[in-house]
Amino acid sequence: MSPSPCPRRPGGCTPATGPGSPRGRGREGWPRYRRPPTNLAEYVNALAEAGKAPTTIERALAAISTAHRAAGRDRPDLTLARAVLRAHRRERVLAGTARARKAAPVTIAALRAMVPPALVCSCD
């Protein structure tokens, strides 16, 4: 039995249904399809073009991976998506738009304001 083409992306997907699939049918009776790794790379590229920060894109990839694991499915192949993310980071650095936001160091006065007086040492 050869896989039927994906209705949304002809020739780009293979069905995840069949004798070995525990999932069967998807929502509204549509068969579930395994997406190629290029879909995640395209998604990362779209987020990068929308101006999203690399850490935001990393969180999106982590959420996708976690959702797959929670559903009992195989983890998606993130190799291409991470390569696109690395290129996005490199472009931001070369363009000078990469900025690391760092908090100012805490001062002694601010630290004392955070700690209850009973824990403050009177030796200094």
N, C-alpha and C. Protein backbone atom coordinates (compact mmCIF):
# COMPACT_ATOMS: atom_id res chain seq x y z
N MET A 1 0.85 -1.18 0.00
CA MET A 1 0.00 0.00 0.00
C MET A 1 0.89 1.23 0.00
N SER A 2 0.78 2.05 -1.02
CA SER A 2 1.60 3.26 -1.09
C SER A 2 0.90 4.39 -0.36
N PRO A 3 1.68 5.33 0.24
CA PRO A 3 1.06 6.42 0.98
C PRO A 3 0.32 7.36 0.06
N SER A 4 -0.83 7.81 0.52
CA SER A 4 -1.58 8.78 -0.26
C SER A 4 -0.99 10.16 -0.03
N PRO A 5 -1.07 11.02 -1.03
CA PRO A 5 -0.48 12.35 -0.87
C PRO A 5 -1.27 13.18 0.15
N CYS A 6 -0.55 14.10 0.77
CA CYS A 6 -1.16 15.01 1.74
C CYS A 6 -2.10 15.95 0.99
N PRO A 7 -3.32 16.19 1.47
CA PRO A 7 -4.24 17.07 0.76
C PRO A 7 -3.77 18.52 0.72
N ARG A 8 -2.94 18.93 1.68
CA ARG A 8 -2.48 20.32 1.72
C ARG A 8 -1.14 20.51 1.04
N ARG A 9 -0.35 19.48 0.92
CA ARG A 9 0.99 19.60 0.36
C ARG A 9 1.27 18.33 -0.44
N PRO A 10 0.85 18.29 -1.69
CA PRO A 10 0.98 17.06 -2.48
C PRO A 10 2.43 16.57 -2.54
N GLY A 11 2.60 15.30 -2.23
CA GLY A 11 3.91 14.67 -2.30
C GLY A 11 4.84 15.03 -1.15
N GLY A 12 4.44 15.94 -0.26
CA GLY A 12 5.33 16.40 0.80
C GLY A 12 5.14 15.69 2.13
N CYS A 13 4.10 14.89 2.27
CA CYS A 13 3.82 14.24 3.55
C CYS A 13 3.51 12.78 3.32
N THR A 14 3.71 12.00 4.35
CA THR A 14 3.29 10.60 4.30
C THR A 14 2.33 10.37 5.45
N PRO A 15 1.32 9.56 5.23
CA PRO A 15 0.34 9.37 6.30
C PRO A 15 0.92 8.61 7.48
N ALA A 16 0.48 8.99 8.66
CA ALA A 16 0.92 8.32 9.88
C ALA A 16 -0.10 7.29 10.32
N THR A 17 -1.03 6.96 9.43
CA THR A 17 -2.03 5.96 9.76
C THR A 17 -1.58 4.62 9.20
N GLY A 18 -2.17 3.58 9.66
CA GLY A 18 -1.82 2.26 9.15
C GLY A 18 -1.77 1.26 10.28
N PRO A 19 -1.34 0.04 9.99
CA PRO A 19 -1.36 -1.00 11.01
C PRO A 19 -0.49 -0.68 12.22
N GLY A 20 0.64 0.03 12.03
CA GLY A 20 1.53 0.30 13.15
C GLY A 20 1.22 1.60 13.88
N SER A 21 0.24 2.35 13.42
CA SER A 21 -0.03 3.66 14.01
C SER A 21 -1.09 3.55 15.10
N PRO A 22 -0.78 4.03 16.32
CA PRO A 22 -1.78 4.01 17.39
C PRO A 22 -2.78 5.14 17.27
N ARG A 23 -2.50 6.11 16.42
CA ARG A 23 -3.33 7.31 16.38
C ARG A 23 -4.56 7.18 15.47
N GLY A 24 -4.43 6.52 14.35
CA GLY A 24 -5.58 6.40 13.45
C GLY A 24 -5.91 7.72 12.79
N ARG A 25 -7.12 8.17 12.97
CA ARG A 25 -7.60 9.38 12.30
C ARG A 25 -7.40 10.62 13.17
N GLY A 26 -7.21 11.75 12.51
CA GLY A 26 -7.05 13.03 13.19
C GLY A 26 -8.39 13.69 13.42
N ARG A 27 -8.35 15.00 13.66
CA ARG A 27 -9.58 15.76 13.88
C ARG A 27 -10.44 15.75 12.63
N GLU A 28 -11.72 15.80 12.78
CA GLU A 28 -12.71 15.80 11.72
C GLU A 28 -12.51 14.67 10.72
N GLY A 29 -11.92 13.55 11.16
CA GLY A 29 -11.80 12.40 10.29
C GLY A 29 -10.66 12.45 9.29
N TRP A 30 -9.87 13.52 9.27
CA TRP A 30 -8.74 13.60 8.35
C TRP A 30 -7.63 12.67 8.85
N PRO A 31 -6.95 11.99 7.93
CA PRO A 31 -5.82 11.17 8.39
C PRO A 31 -4.69 12.04 8.87
N ARG A 32 -3.93 11.55 9.85
CA ARG A 32 -2.79 12.30 10.35
C ARG A 32 -1.62 12.09 9.40
N TYR A 33 -0.85 13.15 9.17
CA TYR A 33 0.29 13.08 8.28
C TYR A 33 1.55 13.48 9.03
N ARG A 34 2.64 12.81 8.72
CA ARG A 34 3.93 13.22 9.26
C ARG A 34 4.46 14.31 8.36
N ARG A 35 4.84 15.39 8.96
CA ARG A 35 5.36 16.52 8.19
C ARG A 35 6.86 16.36 8.00
N PRO A 36 7.37 16.77 6.85
CA PRO A 36 8.82 16.69 6.65
C PRO A 36 9.54 17.73 7.50
N PRO A 37 10.82 17.52 7.80
CA PRO A 37 11.56 18.47 8.63
C PRO A 37 11.63 19.87 8.02
N THR A 38 11.42 19.97 6.72
CA THR A 38 11.48 21.30 6.08
C THR A 38 10.34 22.19 6.57
N ASN A 39 9.23 21.60 7.01
CA ASN A 39 8.14 22.43 7.52
C ASN A 39 8.57 23.21 8.76
N LEU A 40 9.28 22.56 9.68
CA LEU A 40 9.76 23.27 10.86
C LEU A 40 10.78 24.33 10.48
N ALA A 41 11.63 24.03 9.50
CA ALA A 41 12.61 25.01 9.05
C ALA A 41 11.90 26.22 8.45
N GLU A 42 10.85 25.99 7.68
CA GLU A 42 10.07 27.09 7.12
C GLU A 42 9.40 27.91 8.22
N TYR A 43 8.90 27.23 9.25
CA TYR A 43 8.27 27.91 10.37
C TYR A 43 9.28 28.80 11.11
N VAL A 44 10.48 28.26 11.35
CA VAL A 44 11.52 29.03 12.02
C VAL A 44 11.90 30.23 11.15
N ASN A 45 12.00 30.03 9.85
CA ASN A 45 12.32 31.13 8.95
C ASN A 45 11.24 32.21 8.99
N ALA A 46 9.98 31.80 9.03
CA ALA A 46 8.88 32.77 9.11
C ALA A 46 8.94 33.56 10.41
N LEU A 47 9.24 32.88 11.52
CA LEU A 47 9.38 33.60 12.79
C LEU A 47 10.56 34.57 12.75
N ALA A 48 11.66 34.15 12.14
CA ALA A 48 12.84 35.02 12.03
C ALA A 48 12.53 36.24 11.18
N GLU A 49 11.83 36.04 10.07
CA GLU A 49 11.47 37.16 9.21
C GLU A 49 10.48 38.10 9.88
N ALA A 50 9.70 37.57 10.82
CA ALA A 50 8.75 38.41 11.57
C ALA A 50 9.45 39.20 12.67
N GLY A 51 10.77 38.99 12.81
CA GLY A 51 11.52 39.76 13.79
C GLY A 51 11.56 39.15 15.18
N LYS A 52 11.19 37.90 15.30
CA LYS A 52 11.21 37.25 16.62
C LYS A 52 12.65 37.00 17.06
N ALA A 53 12.88 37.10 18.34
CA ALA A 53 14.21 36.86 18.91
C ALA A 53 14.53 35.37 18.88
N PRO A 54 15.82 35.03 18.78
CA PRO A 54 16.19 33.61 18.76
C PRO A 54 15.69 32.82 19.96
N THR A 55 15.67 33.42 21.13
CA THR A 55 15.17 32.69 22.30
C THR A 55 13.67 32.40 22.19
N THR A 56 12.93 33.31 21.57
CA THR A 56 11.51 33.08 21.35
C THR A 56 11.31 31.90 20.40
N ILE A 57 12.14 31.84 19.36
CA ILE A 57 12.06 30.74 18.40
C ILE A 57 12.45 29.43 19.07
N GLU A 58 13.47 29.46 19.93
CA GLU A 58 13.86 28.26 20.67
C GLU A 58 12.71 27.75 21.53
N ARG A 59 11.99 28.66 22.16
CA ARG A 59 10.85 28.27 22.99
C ARG A 59 9.77 27.63 22.14
N ALA A 60 9.54 28.17 20.95
CA ALA A 60 8.54 27.59 20.05
C ALA A 60 8.93 26.16 19.66
N LEU A 61 10.20 25.95 19.34
CA LEU A 61 10.66 24.61 18.98
C LEU A 61 10.55 23.65 20.17
N ALA A 62 10.87 24.15 21.35
CA ALA A 62 10.75 23.32 22.55
C ALA A 62 9.29 22.94 22.81
N ALA A 63 8.38 23.89 22.59
CA ALA A 63 6.96 23.62 22.79
C ALA A 63 6.46 22.56 21.80
N ILE A 64 6.92 22.64 20.55
CA ILE A 64 6.53 21.65 19.55
C ILE A 64 7.05 20.27 19.94
N SER A 65 8.30 20.20 20.36
CA SER A 65 8.90 18.94 20.77
C SER A 65 8.18 18.35 21.99
N THR A 66 7.85 19.20 22.95
CA THR A 66 7.14 18.76 24.15
C THR A 66 5.74 18.26 23.81
N ALA A 67 5.06 18.94 22.90
CA ALA A 67 3.72 18.51 22.50
C ALA A 67 3.77 17.14 21.84
N HIS A 68 4.78 16.90 21.02
CA HIS A 68 4.93 15.59 20.40
C HIS A 68 5.16 14.51 21.45
N ARG A 69 6.03 14.81 22.40
CA ARG A 69 6.34 13.83 23.45
C ARG A 69 5.10 13.56 24.30
N ALA A 70 4.34 14.61 24.63
CA ALA A 70 3.15 14.44 25.46
C ALA A 70 2.07 13.63 24.74
N ALA A 71 2.05 13.73 23.42
CA ALA A 71 1.06 12.98 22.64
C ALA A 71 1.51 11.56 22.36
N GLY A 72 2.72 11.20 22.83
CA GLY A 72 3.22 9.86 22.61
C GLY A 72 3.75 9.63 21.21
N ARG A 73 4.09 10.69 20.52
CA ARG A 73 4.58 10.58 19.15
C ARG A 73 6.09 10.72 19.14
N ASP A 74 6.70 10.36 18.02
CA ASP A 74 8.13 10.54 17.85
C ASP A 74 8.47 12.02 17.87
N ARG A 75 9.65 12.33 18.38
CA ARG A 75 10.08 13.72 18.37
C ARG A 75 10.33 14.18 16.95
N PRO A 76 10.00 15.42 16.64
CA PRO A 76 10.26 15.91 15.28
C PRO A 76 11.76 16.11 15.05
N ASP A 77 12.17 16.01 13.81
CA ASP A 77 13.56 16.23 13.45
C ASP A 77 13.80 17.75 13.40
N LEU A 78 14.59 18.25 14.33
CA LEU A 78 14.83 19.69 14.44
C LEU A 78 16.15 20.12 13.80
N THR A 79 16.81 19.23 13.09
CA THR A 79 18.13 19.53 12.54
C THR A 79 18.09 20.74 11.61
N LEU A 80 17.20 20.72 10.63
CA LEU A 80 17.11 21.84 9.69
C LEU A 80 16.63 23.11 10.38
N ALA A 81 15.66 22.97 11.29
CA ALA A 81 15.13 24.14 11.99
C ALA A 81 16.23 24.81 12.81
N ARG A 82 17.07 24.02 13.47
CA ARG A 82 18.17 24.60 14.26
C ARG A 82 19.22 25.24 13.37
N ALA A 83 19.44 24.70 12.18
CA ALA A 83 20.37 25.32 11.24
C ALA A 83 19.86 26.69 10.80
N VAL A 84 18.55 26.79 10.55
CA VAL A 84 17.96 28.09 10.19
C VAL A 84 18.08 29.05 11.36
N LEU A 85 17.88 28.56 12.57
CA LEU A 85 17.99 29.40 13.76
C LEU A 85 19.42 29.91 13.94
N ARG A 86 20.41 29.05 13.70
CA ARG A 86 21.82 29.48 13.79
C ARG A 86 22.11 30.58 12.77
N ALA A 87 21.59 30.42 11.56
CA ALA A 87 21.78 31.45 10.53
C ALA A 87 21.12 32.75 10.95
N HIS A 88 19.95 32.66 11.56
CA HIS A 88 19.24 33.86 12.04
C HIS A 88 20.06 34.57 13.12
N ARG A 89 20.63 33.81 14.03
CA ARG A 89 21.48 34.41 15.07
C ARG A 89 22.68 35.13 14.44
N ARG A 90 23.30 34.44 13.48
CA ARG A 90 24.47 35.01 12.81
C ARG A 90 24.11 36.32 12.10
N GLU A 91 22.98 36.34 11.41
CA GLU A 91 22.52 37.54 10.72
C GLU A 91 22.28 38.68 11.70
N ARG A 92 21.69 38.37 12.84
CA ARG A 92 21.43 39.43 13.84
C ARG A 92 22.73 40.01 14.38
N VAL A 93 23.72 39.16 14.59
CA VAL A 93 25.01 39.64 15.09
C VAL A 93 25.69 40.53 14.05
N LEU A 94 25.70 40.06 12.79
CA LEU A 94 26.34 40.83 11.72
C LEU A 94 25.63 42.15 11.46
N ALA A 95 24.32 42.18 11.62
CA ALA A 95 23.55 43.40 11.41
C ALA A 95 23.61 44.33 12.61
N GLY A 96 24.11 43.83 13.73
CA GLY A 96 24.19 44.66 14.93
C GLY A 96 22.88 44.78 15.68
N THR A 97 21.92 43.93 15.36
CA THR A 97 20.62 44.00 16.05
C THR A 97 20.52 43.04 17.22
N ALA A 98 21.54 42.19 17.39
CA ALA A 98 21.53 41.26 18.53
C ALA A 98 21.90 42.04 19.78
N ARG A 99 21.08 41.92 20.77
CA ARG A 99 21.38 42.62 22.02
C ARG A 99 21.08 41.70 23.19
N ALA A 100 22.03 41.61 24.04
CA ALA A 100 21.85 40.80 25.24
C ALA A 100 21.34 41.72 26.34
N ARG A 101 20.19 41.41 26.85
CA ARG A 101 19.64 42.21 27.94
C ARG A 101 20.12 41.62 29.24
N LYS A 102 20.88 42.39 29.96
CA LYS A 102 21.38 41.90 31.24
C LYS A 102 20.91 42.85 32.34
N ALA A 103 20.57 42.26 33.45
CA ALA A 103 20.15 43.05 34.59
C ALA A 103 21.36 43.71 35.23
N ALA A 104 21.14 44.86 35.81
CA ALA A 104 22.21 45.54 36.52
C ALA A 104 22.55 44.74 37.77
N PRO A 105 23.82 44.75 38.19
CA PRO A 105 24.18 44.00 39.40
C PRO A 105 23.48 44.58 40.62
N VAL A 106 23.18 43.72 41.56
CA VAL A 106 22.50 44.15 42.77
C VAL A 106 23.49 44.91 43.66
N THR A 107 23.00 45.95 44.29
CA THR A 107 23.85 46.72 45.21
C THR A 107 23.63 46.23 46.63
N ILE A 108 24.54 46.59 47.52
CA ILE A 108 24.43 46.18 48.92
C ILE A 108 23.14 46.72 49.53
N ALA A 109 22.82 47.98 49.23
CA ALA A 109 21.60 48.58 49.79
C ALA A 109 20.36 47.83 49.31
N ALA A 110 20.31 47.48 48.03
CA ALA A 110 19.16 46.75 47.50
C ALA A 110 19.09 45.35 48.09
N LEU A 111 20.24 44.71 48.28
CA LEU A 111 20.28 43.38 48.87
C LEU A 111 19.78 43.40 50.31
N ARG A 112 20.20 44.42 51.05
CA ARG A 112 19.73 44.54 52.45
C ARG A 112 18.23 44.79 52.51
N ALA A 113 17.70 45.50 51.51
CA ALA A 113 16.26 45.75 51.48
C ALA A 113 15.48 44.46 51.20
N MET A 114 16.11 43.49 50.51
CA MET A 114 15.46 42.22 50.18
C MET A 114 15.50 41.23 51.33
N VAL A 115 16.51 41.32 52.20
CA VAL A 115 16.72 40.34 53.26
C VAL A 115 16.10 40.85 54.55
N PRO A 116 15.40 39.99 55.28
CA PRO A 116 14.83 40.43 56.56
C PRO A 116 15.94 40.86 57.54
N PRO A 117 15.67 41.87 58.37
CA PRO A 117 16.69 42.37 59.29
C PRO A 117 17.27 41.30 60.23
N ALA A 118 16.51 40.29 60.56
CA ALA A 118 17.01 39.25 61.47
C ALA A 118 18.14 38.43 60.84
N LEU A 119 18.22 38.41 59.51
CA LEU A 119 19.25 37.64 58.82
C LEU A 119 20.48 38.47 58.47
N VAL A 120 20.42 39.78 58.66
CA VAL A 120 21.55 40.65 58.30
C VAL A 120 22.58 40.61 59.42
N CYS A 121 23.82 40.40 59.05
CA CYS A 121 24.91 40.35 60.00
C CYS A 121 25.29 41.79 60.39
N SER A 122 25.49 42.03 61.64
CA SER A 122 25.86 43.37 62.10
C SER A 122 27.37 43.52 62.21
N CYS A 123 28.12 42.57 61.67
CA CYS A 123 29.57 42.63 61.82
C CYS A 123 30.24 43.56 60.80
N ASP A 124 29.56 44.05 59.83
CA ASP A 124 30.25 44.93 58.88
C ASP A 124 29.78 46.31 59.03
